[in-house]
Amino acid sequence: MKKKQYVLTFFILSITWIFGTNYLLKLYAPSEFVAIIEHTKEVLYVLLAGWFFYFFISKMEELSASKEEEARLSTLINSMVDFVNFKDGEGRWIQANNFGLKLFDIENVDYRGKKDSELAEYSNYFSDALRYCEISDEEAWKAGGIIRVEEVLPQPDGTTKTFDTIKVPLFNEDGSRQGLVIMGRDITERKYVETLLEESRQQYRSLFEYSPDIVSMLDLNGTITNLNPQFERITGYSRDEYIGKNLAALIPDSHRQIVLDKVANVVENHCPQMFELELQHKNGKPLIFQSTSLPIIVNDKIAGIICNSRDVTELRQTEERLRRTDKLSVVGELSASVAHEIRNPLTSLKGLVQLLQMEDEKHQLYYQIMIDELNRINHIVSELLLLAKPQQIKYTEADLQVILHDVISLLKSEASLYNIQIEFQVQSEPVMIECEPNQLKQLFINILKNAIEASSAGDAVNITLESFDNNVTVVVKDQGVGISKELLERIGEPFYSSKEKGTGLGMTVSFKIVQSHNGTIKFRSEPDKGTDVIVQLPIKHADKMKRVETSVN
């Protein structure tokens, strides 16, 4: 259409020039100059016509180049999987790619020269989204530079699409708005993956942070990289004290090689390893952990080790108590079956030896040795009977200081024989407890005799008594040879003793007495530094306390 207009204009101007100049020549030009002027006019016409054709061809070339550039731009933006849109300074659409037109469901709309609010009239579902684009564009203009936002676009099927949108405002030299370039990439899938990854991280964090066991993470060199909060609660140590340190420097010598071998096995064979580990609480209390080490696999390669450690200290202590209870049960059954059978012939043997001792003065030494040994056998049988016979305790109120005084008086002569002093710190007031006095006497006799036998001449055995709340504590402290760690772990086992002629039944009986009184007995000892025996007993027992509460109510 424009080509025809250009050609028609050329013809009109040409005819006007030819006839107009000829008319003017006839009217005003002298006859002698007419030929010269006509040739000059013809040359001028050729020049003007040539300029016109040159201008026309130049414009056509520019138009063709512009169309080619527009075609290339259109091809480029239509080949993009992102939304691309060009707007002028007033927010009118100049050009958009097919992805954007399809996105807003305006593929069949002549969008050029229209604003978002005007295009909203042609889109049933995306009208609100198009109107919001004007608000978002205004924020880009106000920012005065490139902005990047995430925009969520609801879809007709109820889902949503998320776009990472970049808006680039363009300004004229005078600061007026020139245009706006908008590019939006569909990141719905990426956001979904990020959401799944974040959920996975939160699940992992919850498993790590809230696990009731200690969870530790190591690198391939055995350096601790992370510890969960349970570590502080269970061990008493701060996580910062251990994170960043190598496992080899933190494990006791007795377990170091075993643990390091297990960790090396995880790294080499990529398989789980289980082991038990002994550590100390910050307050010195021993802790036992059952640990499982697992490889951390990333891209089919081991990246580290995760270790789950469960505190089984109480479980192992319970197992040890059950083991000792089983031993006591076996000893009780054995005692019940043989003790009476031993005592009957023992009485006869002792009577016969005493008759021989009266009649034969020549071998008095041998007879005395026989009587002593028979008395020793009788003492062992008595202890066996005490273990075998079920004791129904009848609690009576007694002064614990009086019980201890009776025991000290009984053993004072034996202590004096070895030049050992027994020191007892007497309380100003009676310490009344509910107990079976005879059993407590037997308990403290066994403890005090052990303290005397472990001491050297000139040493002292100290006895202290303290009452606190509903419990009373008796501590017997000697300065003797002490007890090794191995023996400490086995104290109370039947027939296990460090004494040359000991049976191990004395402490077994003592443990049973304390247990029957709902108390506890503990030992603190180091070789050549003495031993502390701590006995804690309740002042009142649960059944009595319940009856008192009932009578008060």
Protein backbone atom coordinates (compact mmCIF):
# COMPACT_ATOMS: atom_id res chain seq x y z
CA MET A 1 0.00 0.00 0.00
CA LYS A 2 2.82 2.37 0.87
CA LYS A 3 4.61 1.53 -2.39
CA LYS A 4 1.57 2.68 -4.46
CA GLN A 5 1.39 5.90 -2.46
CA TYR A 6 5.06 6.61 -3.15
CA VAL A 7 4.66 5.95 -6.95
CA LEU A 8 1.46 8.06 -7.20
CA THR A 9 3.20 10.91 -5.37
CA PHE A 10 6.12 10.67 -7.81
CA PHE A 11 3.83 10.88 -10.87
CA ILE A 12 1.86 13.83 -9.50
CA LEU A 13 5.02 15.74 -8.66
CA SER A 14 6.54 14.94 -12.05
CA ILE A 15 3.49 16.11 -14.01
CA THR A 16 3.19 19.21 -11.85
CA TRP A 17 6.89 19.97 -12.43
CA ILE A 18 6.74 19.48 -16.20
CA PHE A 19 3.56 21.43 -16.88
CA GLY A 20 4.17 24.02 -14.21
CA THR A 21 7.68 24.91 -15.37
CA ASN A 22 6.63 24.98 -19.01
CA TYR A 23 3.81 27.39 -18.23
CA LEU A 24 6.14 29.67 -16.24
CA LEU A 25 8.66 29.64 -19.08
CA LYS A 26 6.04 30.81 -21.58
CA LEU A 27 4.95 33.63 -19.34
CA TYR A 28 8.18 35.03 -17.98
CA ALA A 29 11.28 33.63 -19.70
CA PRO A 30 12.88 35.60 -22.57
CA SER A 31 12.89 33.72 -25.87
CA GLU A 32 16.69 33.65 -26.22
CA PHE A 33 17.03 31.86 -22.79
CA VAL A 34 14.17 29.39 -23.17
CA ALA A 35 16.32 26.58 -24.59
CA ILE A 36 18.95 26.98 -21.86
CA ILE A 37 16.34 27.05 -19.11
CA GLU A 38 14.57 24.00 -20.57
CA HIS A 39 17.82 21.97 -20.57
CA THR A 40 18.59 23.20 -17.08
CA LYS A 41 15.09 22.20 -15.97
CA GLU A 42 15.51 18.75 -17.49
CA VAL A 43 18.85 18.24 -15.69
CA LEU A 44 17.31 19.45 -12.45
CA TYR A 45 14.39 17.06 -12.93
CA VAL A 46 16.76 14.16 -13.48
CA LEU A 47 18.66 15.09 -10.31
CA LEU A 48 15.47 15.42 -8.28
CA ALA A 49 14.10 12.16 -9.70
CA GLY A 50 17.41 10.42 -8.95
CA TRP A 51 17.42 11.78 -5.39
CA PHE A 52 13.82 10.64 -4.97
CA PHE A 53 14.62 7.13 -6.19
CA TYR A 54 17.76 7.02 -4.00
CA PHE A 55 15.73 8.11 -0.96
CA PHE A 56 13.05 5.58 -1.80
CA ILE A 57 15.52 2.72 -2.24
CA SER A 58 17.32 3.69 1.03
CA LYS A 59 14.06 3.66 2.92
CA MET A 60 13.17 0.34 1.38
CA GLU A 61 16.53 -1.09 2.43
CA GLU A 62 16.12 0.26 5.96
CA LEU A 63 12.60 -1.15 6.08
CA SER A 64 13.84 -4.49 4.77
CA ALA A 65 16.70 -4.54 7.30
CA SER A 66 14.29 -3.59 10.05
CA LYS A 67 11.96 -6.38 9.03
CA GLU A 68 14.83 -8.83 8.88
CA GLU A 69 16.00 -7.70 12.33
CA GLU A 70 12.45 -7.99 13.61
CA ALA A 71 12.17 -11.44 12.08
CA ARG A 72 15.44 -12.53 13.65
CA LEU A 73 14.36 -11.08 17.01
CA SER A 74 11.00 -12.78 16.69
CA THR A 75 12.65 -16.08 15.81
CA LEU A 76 15.05 -15.69 18.72
CA ILE A 77 12.47 -14.89 21.39
CA ASN A 78 10.02 -17.49 20.06
CA SER A 79 12.70 -20.15 20.29
CA MET A 80 13.21 -19.35 23.98
CA VAL A 81 11.49 -21.44 26.63
CA ASP A 82 11.17 -18.32 28.80
CA PHE A 83 8.51 -15.63 28.73
CA VAL A 84 9.83 -12.53 26.89
CA ASN A 85 7.94 -9.26 26.55
CA PHE A 86 8.87 -5.76 25.34
CA LYS A 87 6.81 -2.75 26.44
CA ASP A 88 7.08 0.93 25.72
CA GLY A 89 7.40 3.65 28.33
CA GLU A 90 3.62 3.70 28.82
CA GLY A 91 3.40 -0.02 29.47
CA ARG A 92 1.97 -0.92 26.07
CA TRP A 93 3.00 -4.24 24.63
CA ILE A 94 5.41 -3.98 21.68
CA GLN A 95 6.34 -7.58 21.19
CA ALA A 96 5.97 -10.86 23.07
CA ASN A 97 7.02 -14.39 22.22
CA ASN A 98 4.64 -17.28 21.61
CA PHE A 99 5.39 -18.73 25.05
CA GLY A 100 4.12 -15.55 26.72
CA LEU A 101 1.03 -15.33 24.53
CA LYS A 102 0.17 -18.94 25.23
CA LEU A 103 0.91 -18.46 28.93
CA PHE A 104 -1.75 -15.74 29.25
CA ASP A 105 -4.11 -17.35 26.70
CA ILE A 106 -4.01 -14.39 24.27
CA GLU A 107 -2.54 -16.17 21.25
CA ASN A 108 -5.31 -14.89 18.91
CA VAL A 109 -5.34 -11.33 20.23
CA ASP A 110 -3.73 -8.33 18.50
CA TYR A 111 -1.75 -7.39 21.57
CA ARG A 112 0.52 -4.66 20.14
CA GLY A 113 -0.17 -1.21 21.56
CA LYS A 114 -2.32 -2.53 24.39
CA LYS A 115 -1.65 -2.36 28.12
CA ASP A 116 -1.95 -5.31 30.51
CA SER A 117 -5.28 -4.05 31.84
CA GLU A 118 -6.62 -3.87 28.28
CA LEU A 119 -5.41 -7.37 27.45
CA ALA A 120 -7.07 -8.60 30.66
CA GLU A 121 -10.41 -8.12 28.91
CA TYR A 122 -9.46 -10.84 26.38
CA SER A 123 -8.36 -13.44 28.97
CA ASN A 124 -10.98 -15.10 31.10
CA TYR A 125 -8.76 -16.86 33.63
CA PHE A 126 -5.63 -14.68 33.67
CA SER A 127 -7.25 -11.27 33.87
CA ASP A 128 -6.22 -10.71 37.50
CA ALA A 129 -2.67 -11.83 36.76
CA LEU A 130 -2.42 -9.38 33.84
CA ARG A 131 -3.71 -6.50 35.94
CA TYR A 132 -1.17 -7.34 38.64
CA CYS A 133 1.59 -7.09 35.99
CA GLU A 134 0.99 -3.34 35.79
CA ILE A 135 1.54 -3.04 39.55
CA SER A 136 4.72 -5.12 39.33
CA ASP A 137 5.97 -3.08 36.34
CA GLU A 138 5.49 0.12 38.31
CA GLU A 139 7.75 -1.26 41.06
CA ALA A 140 10.47 -1.80 38.43
CA TRP A 141 10.11 1.78 37.19
CA LYS A 142 10.32 3.12 40.74
CA ALA A 143 13.38 0.98 41.48
CA GLY A 144 15.14 2.65 38.57
CA GLY A 145 17.12 -0.49 37.76
CA ILE A 146 16.91 -4.20 37.19
CA ILE A 147 14.68 -6.07 39.64
CA ARG A 148 14.19 -9.80 40.10
CA VAL A 149 11.03 -11.27 41.61
CA GLU A 150 9.31 -14.61 41.93
CA GLU A 151 5.77 -14.52 40.60
CA VAL A 152 3.20 -17.28 41.12
CA LEU A 153 0.67 -17.78 38.33
CA PRO A 154 -2.42 -19.93 39.12
CA GLN A 155 -3.43 -22.38 36.37
CA PRO A 156 -6.94 -23.45 35.26
CA ASP A 157 -6.30 -27.02 36.46
CA GLY A 158 -5.81 -25.81 40.04
CA THR A 159 -2.02 -25.98 40.02
CA THR A 160 0.36 -23.03 40.04
CA LYS A 161 3.44 -22.05 38.08
CA THR A 162 6.29 -20.11 39.58
CA PHE A 163 8.34 -17.73 37.42
CA ASP A 164 11.71 -16.18 38.16
CA THR A 165 11.07 -12.80 36.52
CA ILE A 166 13.64 -10.16 35.57
CA LYS A 167 12.42 -6.66 34.67
CA VAL A 168 14.78 -4.18 33.01
CA PRO A 169 13.50 -0.56 32.76
CA LEU A 170 15.01 1.61 29.98
CA PHE A 171 15.18 5.41 30.22
CA ASN A 172 15.77 8.26 27.76
CA GLU A 173 18.61 10.71 28.28
CA ASP A 174 16.22 13.16 29.92
CA GLY A 175 15.15 10.49 32.40
CA SER A 176 11.77 9.80 30.84
CA ARG A 177 10.59 6.25 30.45
CA GLN A 178 11.63 4.60 27.20
CA GLY A 179 10.68 0.95 27.53
CA LEU A 180 10.57 -2.15 29.69
CA VAL A 181 12.08 -5.58 28.97
CA ILE A 182 10.53 -8.50 30.86
CA MET A 183 11.92 -12.04 30.96
CA GLY A 184 10.39 -14.82 33.07
CA ARG A 185 11.67 -18.37 33.48
CA ASP A 186 9.40 -21.18 34.62
CA ILE A 187 11.02 -22.54 37.81
CA THR A 188 8.04 -24.59 38.99
CA GLU A 189 9.93 -27.88 38.73
CA ARG A 190 12.98 -26.42 40.41
CA LYS A 191 10.88 -25.03 43.26
CA TYR A 192 9.24 -28.43 43.67
CA VAL A 193 12.65 -30.11 43.86
CA GLU A 194 13.86 -27.44 46.30
CA THR A 195 10.77 -28.02 48.44
CA LEU A 196 11.41 -31.76 48.47
CA LEU A 197 15.06 -31.12 49.30
CA GLU A 198 14.13 -28.75 52.12
CA GLU A 199 11.64 -31.27 53.49
CA SER A 200 14.34 -33.92 53.32
CA ARG A 201 16.75 -31.60 55.13
CA GLN A 202 14.18 -30.87 57.81
CA GLN A 203 13.49 -34.58 58.26
CA TYR A 204 17.21 -35.25 58.53
CA ARG A 205 17.61 -32.33 60.94
CA SER A 206 14.73 -33.62 63.08
CA LEU A 207 16.24 -37.11 63.09
CA PHE A 208 19.63 -35.66 63.99
CA GLU A 209 18.53 -33.04 66.52
CA TYR A 210 15.79 -34.96 68.35
CA SER A 211 17.20 -38.49 68.35
CA PRO A 212 17.25 -39.83 71.94
CA ASP A 213 20.71 -41.28 71.21
CA ILE A 214 24.00 -39.54 70.52
CA VAL A 215 24.45 -39.01 66.78
CA SER A 216 27.94 -38.04 65.61
CA MET A 217 29.34 -37.39 62.14
CA LEU A 218 32.97 -38.06 61.16
CA ASP A 219 35.03 -37.35 58.08
CA LEU A 220 37.17 -40.04 56.45
CA ASN A 221 40.10 -39.12 58.72
CA GLY A 222 38.09 -39.77 61.87
CA THR A 223 37.61 -36.09 62.76
CA ILE A 224 34.28 -35.27 64.42
CA THR A 225 32.38 -32.82 62.21
CA ASN A 226 29.06 -32.64 64.07
CA LEU A 227 27.29 -33.83 67.24
CA ASN A 228 23.61 -33.64 68.15
CA PRO A 229 22.38 -31.93 71.37
CA GLN A 230 21.89 -35.29 73.14
CA PHE A 231 25.67 -35.49 73.46
CA GLU A 232 25.67 -32.64 75.97
CA ARG A 233 22.73 -34.08 77.93
CA ILE A 234 24.17 -37.59 78.19
CA THR A 235 27.89 -36.88 78.69
CA GLY A 236 27.85 -33.45 80.33
CA TYR A 237 30.45 -32.14 77.85
CA SER A 238 29.89 -29.28 75.44
CA ARG A 239 29.74 -30.18 71.76
CA ASP A 240 32.32 -27.50 71.01
CA GLU A 241 34.83 -29.39 73.16
CA TYR A 242 34.66 -32.39 70.79
CA ILE A 243 33.76 -31.04 67.32
CA GLY A 244 36.88 -30.66 65.21
CA LYS A 245 38.91 -33.18 67.21
CA ASN A 246 40.02 -36.59 66.03
CA LEU A 247 38.30 -39.67 67.43
CA ALA A 248 41.62 -41.34 68.28
CA ALA A 249 42.53 -38.61 70.78
CA LEU A 250 39.21 -38.88 72.65
CA ILE A 251 38.77 -42.65 73.13
CA PRO A 252 40.29 -44.38 76.19
CA ASP A 253 43.34 -46.55 75.51
CA SER A 254 41.44 -49.71 76.40
CA HIS A 255 38.95 -49.24 73.54
CA ARG A 256 40.90 -47.10 71.05
CA GLN A 257 42.23 -49.79 68.73
CA ILE A 258 38.92 -51.67 68.59
CA VAL A 259 36.98 -48.51 67.67
CA LEU A 260 39.56 -47.36 65.11
CA ASP A 261 39.51 -50.79 63.46
CA LYS A 262 35.71 -50.66 63.23
CA VAL A 263 35.78 -47.16 61.71
CA ALA A 264 38.45 -48.24 59.20
CA ASN A 265 36.28 -51.23 58.27
CA VAL A 266 33.34 -48.90 57.53
CA VAL A 267 35.54 -46.79 55.21
CA GLU A 268 37.09 -49.74 53.40
CA ASN A 269 34.10 -52.08 53.07
CA HIS A 270 31.20 -49.57 53.16
CA CYS A 271 29.36 -51.77 55.65
CA PRO A 272 27.87 -51.00 59.11
CA GLN A 273 29.88 -51.87 62.22
CA MET A 274 28.64 -52.35 65.80
CA PHE A 275 30.72 -52.07 68.97
CA GLU A 276 30.51 -51.07 72.63
CA LEU A 277 32.41 -48.09 73.94
CA GLU A 278 33.12 -46.97 77.50
CA LEU A 279 33.49 -43.26 78.23
CA GLN A 280 33.27 -41.11 81.32
CA HIS A 281 30.65 -38.50 82.13
CA LYS A 282 32.06 -35.08 82.90
CA ASN A 283 31.40 -35.80 86.60
CA GLY A 284 33.48 -39.00 86.41
CA LYS A 285 30.59 -41.45 86.19
CA PRO A 286 31.31 -44.34 83.78
CA LEU A 287 29.09 -44.58 80.70
CA ILE A 288 28.63 -47.53 78.34
CA PHE A 289 27.49 -46.92 74.75
CA GLN A 290 26.31 -49.37 72.14
CA SER A 291 27.40 -47.79 68.88
CA THR A 292 26.58 -48.42 65.23
CA SER A 293 28.73 -46.80 62.54
CA LEU A 294 27.31 -46.34 59.04
CA PRO A 295 28.91 -45.00 55.83
CA ILE A 296 27.61 -41.73 54.34
CA ILE A 297 27.37 -42.42 50.59
CA VAL A 298 27.22 -39.47 48.15
CA ASN A 299 27.29 -40.14 44.40
CA ASP A 300 28.27 -43.76 45.03
CA LYS A 301 31.32 -42.66 47.04
CA ILE A 302 31.82 -42.64 50.80
CA ALA A 303 31.89 -39.05 52.06
CA GLY A 304 31.97 -39.68 55.80
CA ILE A 305 30.70 -41.76 58.69
CA ILE A 306 27.62 -41.35 60.87
CA CYS A 307 27.65 -43.00 64.27
CA ASN A 308 24.61 -43.67 66.47
CA SER A 309 25.50 -44.31 70.12
CA ARG A 310 22.89 -45.52 72.60
CA ASP A 311 23.48 -45.18 76.34
CA VAL A 312 23.19 -48.73 77.71
CA THR A 313 24.82 -48.03 81.08
CA GLU A 314 21.65 -48.70 83.05
CA LEU A 315 20.89 -51.78 80.94
CA ARG A 316 24.35 -53.25 81.59
CA GLN A 317 24.05 -52.47 85.30
CA THR A 318 20.68 -54.23 85.36
CA GLU A 319 22.18 -57.21 83.57
CA GLU A 320 25.00 -57.28 86.14
CA ARG A 321 22.49 -57.18 88.99
CA LEU A 322 20.53 -60.01 87.38
CA ARG A 323 23.74 -61.99 86.95
CA ARG A 324 24.57 -61.54 90.61
CA THR A 325 21.01 -62.40 91.58
CA ASP A 326 21.29 -65.61 89.56
CA LYS A 327 24.50 -66.45 91.35
CA LEU A 328 22.86 -65.77 94.70
CA SER A 329 19.97 -67.99 93.68
CA VAL A 330 22.37 -70.80 92.80
CA VAL A 331 24.26 -70.29 96.05
CA GLY A 332 20.98 -70.30 97.96
CA GLU A 333 19.85 -73.55 96.35
CA LEU A 334 23.26 -75.09 97.00
CA SER A 335 23.27 -73.84 100.58
CA ALA A 336 19.79 -75.17 101.30
CA SER A 337 20.74 -78.63 100.05
CA VAL A 338 24.12 -79.09 101.76
CA ALA A 339 24.30 -76.78 104.79
CA HIS A 340 22.23 -78.98 107.11
CA GLU A 341 23.96 -82.12 105.87
CA ILE A 342 27.35 -80.58 106.70
CA ARG A 343 26.38 -79.25 110.12
CA ASN A 344 25.21 -82.62 111.56
CA PRO A 345 28.48 -84.55 111.01
CA LEU A 346 30.37 -81.36 111.84
CA THR A 347 28.87 -81.34 115.33
CA SER A 348 29.86 -84.97 115.85
CA LEU A 349 33.41 -84.35 114.65
CA LYS A 350 33.81 -81.34 116.90
CA GLY A 351 32.56 -83.33 119.96
CA LEU A 352 34.94 -86.21 119.25
CA VAL A 353 37.91 -83.88 118.80
CA GLN A 354 37.10 -82.19 122.12
CA LEU A 355 37.03 -85.65 123.84
CA LEU A 356 40.38 -86.55 122.31
CA GLN A 357 41.76 -83.18 123.37
CA MET A 358 40.76 -83.92 126.99
CA GLU A 359 42.35 -87.39 127.01
CA ASP A 360 45.51 -86.79 124.93
CA GLU A 361 47.68 -83.99 126.29
CA LYS A 362 50.57 -84.80 123.94
CA HIS A 363 48.87 -83.57 120.74
CA GLN A 364 47.03 -80.49 122.08
CA LEU A 365 48.36 -78.27 119.27
CA TYR A 366 46.93 -80.53 116.58
CA TYR A 367 43.60 -80.80 118.36
CA GLN A 368 43.35 -77.00 118.69
CA ILE A 369 44.07 -76.59 114.98
CA MET A 370 41.34 -79.12 114.19
CA ILE A 371 38.83 -77.33 116.44
CA ASP A 372 39.70 -73.96 114.84
CA GLU A 373 39.20 -75.35 111.37
CA LEU A 374 35.93 -77.00 112.40
CA ASN A 375 34.77 -73.66 113.83
CA ARG A 376 35.72 -72.02 110.53
CA ILE A 377 33.69 -74.60 108.62
CA ASN A 378 30.77 -73.97 110.97
CA HIS A 379 31.03 -70.23 110.33
CA ILE A 380 30.93 -70.81 106.56
CA VAL A 381 27.88 -73.06 106.97
CA SER A 382 26.16 -70.35 109.04
CA GLU A 383 26.73 -67.84 106.24
CA LEU A 384 25.40 -70.31 103.69
CA LEU A 385 22.28 -70.81 105.78
CA LEU A 386 21.82 -67.04 106.00
CA LEU A 387 21.88 -66.85 102.20
CA ALA A 388 19.63 -69.86 101.73
CA LYS A 389 16.95 -69.06 104.27
CA PRO A 390 14.39 -66.47 103.15
CA GLN A 391 14.38 -63.68 105.71
CA GLN A 392 11.12 -61.94 106.51
CA ILE A 393 12.25 -58.66 107.96
CA LYS A 394 10.31 -57.20 110.85
CA TYR A 395 11.19 -53.53 110.99
CA THR A 396 11.66 -51.98 114.39
CA GLU A 397 12.75 -48.49 115.29
CA ALA A 398 16.35 -48.46 116.48
CA ASP A 399 19.13 -45.93 117.01
CA LEU A 400 21.75 -46.50 114.34
CA GLN A 401 24.41 -44.99 116.61
CA VAL A 402 23.71 -47.65 119.23
CA ILE A 403 24.03 -50.39 116.59
CA LEU A 404 27.39 -48.98 115.46
CA HIS A 405 28.56 -48.67 119.10
CA ASP A 406 27.73 -52.36 119.67
CA VAL A 407 29.68 -53.35 116.55
CA ILE A 408 32.68 -51.21 117.53
CA SER A 409 32.67 -52.69 121.06
CA LEU A 410 32.59 -56.20 119.59
CA LEU A 411 35.55 -55.58 117.26
CA LYS A 412 37.56 -53.20 119.44
CA SER A 413 39.64 -55.96 120.99
CA GLU A 414 40.49 -57.39 117.57
CA ALA A 415 41.45 -53.91 116.32
CA SER A 416 43.64 -53.34 119.39
CA LEU A 417 45.38 -56.66 118.69
CA TYR A 418 46.54 -55.23 115.34
CA ASN A 419 47.24 -51.74 116.82
CA ILE A 420 44.44 -50.15 114.79
CA GLN A 421 42.26 -47.32 116.08
CA ILE A 422 38.51 -47.15 115.38
CA GLU A 423 37.26 -43.56 115.35
CA PHE A 424 33.54 -42.83 115.36
CA GLN A 425 32.08 -39.34 115.11
CA VAL A 426 29.07 -39.40 117.40
CA GLN A 427 25.99 -37.32 116.55
CA SER A 428 24.53 -35.05 119.21
CA GLU A 429 21.09 -36.61 118.77
CA PRO A 430 19.94 -40.22 118.20
CA VAL A 431 19.60 -41.34 114.58
CA MET A 432 16.43 -43.40 114.60
CA ILE A 433 15.70 -45.62 111.60
CA GLU A 434 13.36 -48.50 110.83
CA CYS A 435 15.47 -51.63 110.40
CA GLU A 436 16.25 -55.16 111.53
CA PRO A 437 19.02 -54.38 114.09
CA ASN A 438 20.67 -57.83 114.07
CA GLN A 439 21.07 -57.80 110.30
CA LEU A 440 22.56 -54.31 110.37
CA LYS A 441 25.01 -55.46 113.04
CA GLN A 442 26.05 -58.34 110.77
CA LEU A 443 26.42 -55.85 107.86
CA PHE A 444 28.68 -53.45 109.74
CA ILE A 445 30.67 -56.29 111.34
CA ASN A 446 31.55 -57.57 107.88
CA ILE A 447 32.50 -54.09 106.64
CA LEU A 448 34.50 -53.14 109.72
CA LYS A 449 36.35 -56.49 109.84
CA ASN A 450 37.41 -56.02 106.22
CA ALA A 451 38.64 -52.50 107.03
CA ILE A 452 40.67 -53.76 110.03
CA GLU A 453 42.19 -56.64 108.05
CA ALA A 454 43.15 -54.30 105.18
CA SER A 455 44.86 -51.77 107.51
CA SER A 456 48.40 -51.75 108.84
CA ALA A 457 49.59 -51.23 112.41
CA GLY A 458 49.14 -47.63 113.47
CA ASP A 459 46.36 -46.91 110.96
CA ALA A 460 42.91 -45.67 111.88
CA VAL A 461 39.45 -46.66 110.65
CA ASN A 462 37.02 -43.72 110.58
CA ILE A 463 33.23 -44.11 110.79
CA THR A 464 30.97 -41.16 109.99
CA LEU A 465 27.20 -40.97 110.17
CA GLU A 466 25.02 -38.39 108.41
CA SER A 467 21.27 -38.10 107.94
CA PHE A 468 19.66 -36.10 105.14
CA ASP A 469 15.99 -35.91 104.17
CA ASN A 470 14.64 -39.47 104.37
CA ASN A 471 18.00 -41.26 104.23
CA VAL A 472 20.95 -41.93 106.49
CA THR A 473 24.51 -42.52 105.24
CA VAL A 474 27.29 -44.44 107.01
CA VAL A 475 30.83 -44.13 105.64
CA VAL A 476 33.57 -46.51 106.78
CA LYS A 477 36.99 -45.26 105.67
CA ASP A 478 40.29 -47.09 106.09
CA GLN A 479 43.89 -46.31 105.06
CA GLY A 480 44.73 -49.82 104.00
CA VAL A 481 45.93 -51.59 100.88
CA GLY A 482 42.90 -50.59 98.83
CA ILE A 483 41.07 -52.58 96.15
CA SER A 484 42.00 -52.94 92.48
CA LYS A 485 39.56 -51.91 89.75
CA GLU A 486 39.09 -55.53 88.67
CA LEU A 487 38.17 -56.63 92.21
CA LEU A 488 35.87 -53.64 92.73
CA GLU A 489 33.77 -54.82 89.79
CA ARG A 490 33.36 -58.28 91.36
CA ILE A 491 32.71 -57.34 94.99
CA GLY A 492 29.66 -59.22 96.24
CA GLU A 493 30.10 -62.26 94.01
CA PRO A 494 29.89 -65.51 96.01
CA PHE A 495 33.18 -67.36 96.50
CA TYR A 496 35.26 -64.52 95.11
CA SER A 497 37.68 -62.99 97.60
CA SER A 498 41.15 -61.44 97.69
CA LYS A 499 41.83 -62.94 101.11
CA GLU A 500 43.89 -66.09 101.35
CA LYS A 501 41.25 -67.90 103.40
CA GLY A 502 38.23 -65.83 102.38
CA THR A 503 35.08 -67.33 100.91
CA GLY A 504 33.58 -64.13 99.47
CA LEU A 505 30.33 -64.88 101.29
CA GLY A 506 30.71 -62.04 103.79
CA MET A 507 30.18 -59.29 101.22
CA THR A 508 27.52 -61.38 99.47
CA VAL A 509 25.60 -61.47 102.75
CA SER A 510 26.22 -57.74 103.21
CA PHE A 511 24.81 -56.93 99.75
CA LYS A 512 21.74 -59.02 100.50
CA ILE A 513 21.15 -57.24 103.84
CA VAL A 514 21.42 -53.80 102.22
CA GLN A 515 19.12 -54.88 99.38
CA SER A 516 16.52 -56.21 101.81
CA HIS A 517 16.56 -52.82 103.59
CA ASN A 518 16.00 -50.97 100.24
CA GLY A 519 19.39 -49.31 100.60
CA THR A 520 22.57 -48.99 98.53
CA ILE A 521 26.20 -49.87 99.16
CA LYS A 522 29.05 -48.33 97.16
CA PHE A 523 32.83 -48.63 97.21
CA ARG A 524 35.50 -46.03 96.44
CA SER A 525 39.04 -47.32 96.46
CA GLU A 526 42.50 -47.01 94.97
CA PRO A 527 45.38 -49.43 95.54
CA ASP A 528 47.62 -48.38 98.49
CA LYS A 529 45.33 -45.40 99.25
CA GLY A 530 42.57 -47.03 101.27
CA THR A 531 38.88 -47.74 100.76
CA ASP A 532 35.62 -45.92 101.45
CA VAL A 533 32.47 -47.99 101.94
CA ILE A 534 29.29 -45.88 101.69
CA VAL A 535 26.06 -47.43 102.97
CA GLN A 536 22.84 -45.48 102.46
CA LEU A 537 19.63 -46.64 104.16
CA PRO A 538 16.11 -45.20 104.23
CA ILE A 539 14.97 -43.85 107.59
CA LYS A 540 11.40 -45.03 106.96
CA HIS A 541 10.29 -47.71 104.51
CA ALA A 542 7.64 -47.26 101.84
CA ASP A 543 5.06 -49.57 103.36
CA LYS A 544 5.35 -47.83 106.73
CA MET A 545 5.18 -44.39 105.15
CA LYS A 546 2.00 -45.33 103.28
CA ARG A 547 0.37 -46.45 106.52
CA VAL A 548 1.36 -43.18 108.20
CA GLU A 549 -0.09 -41.13 105.33
CA THR A 550 -3.33 -43.14 105.45
CA SER A 551 -3.74 -42.63 109.20
CA VAL A 552 -3.10 -38.88 108.84
CA ASN A 553 -5.67 -38.57 106.06
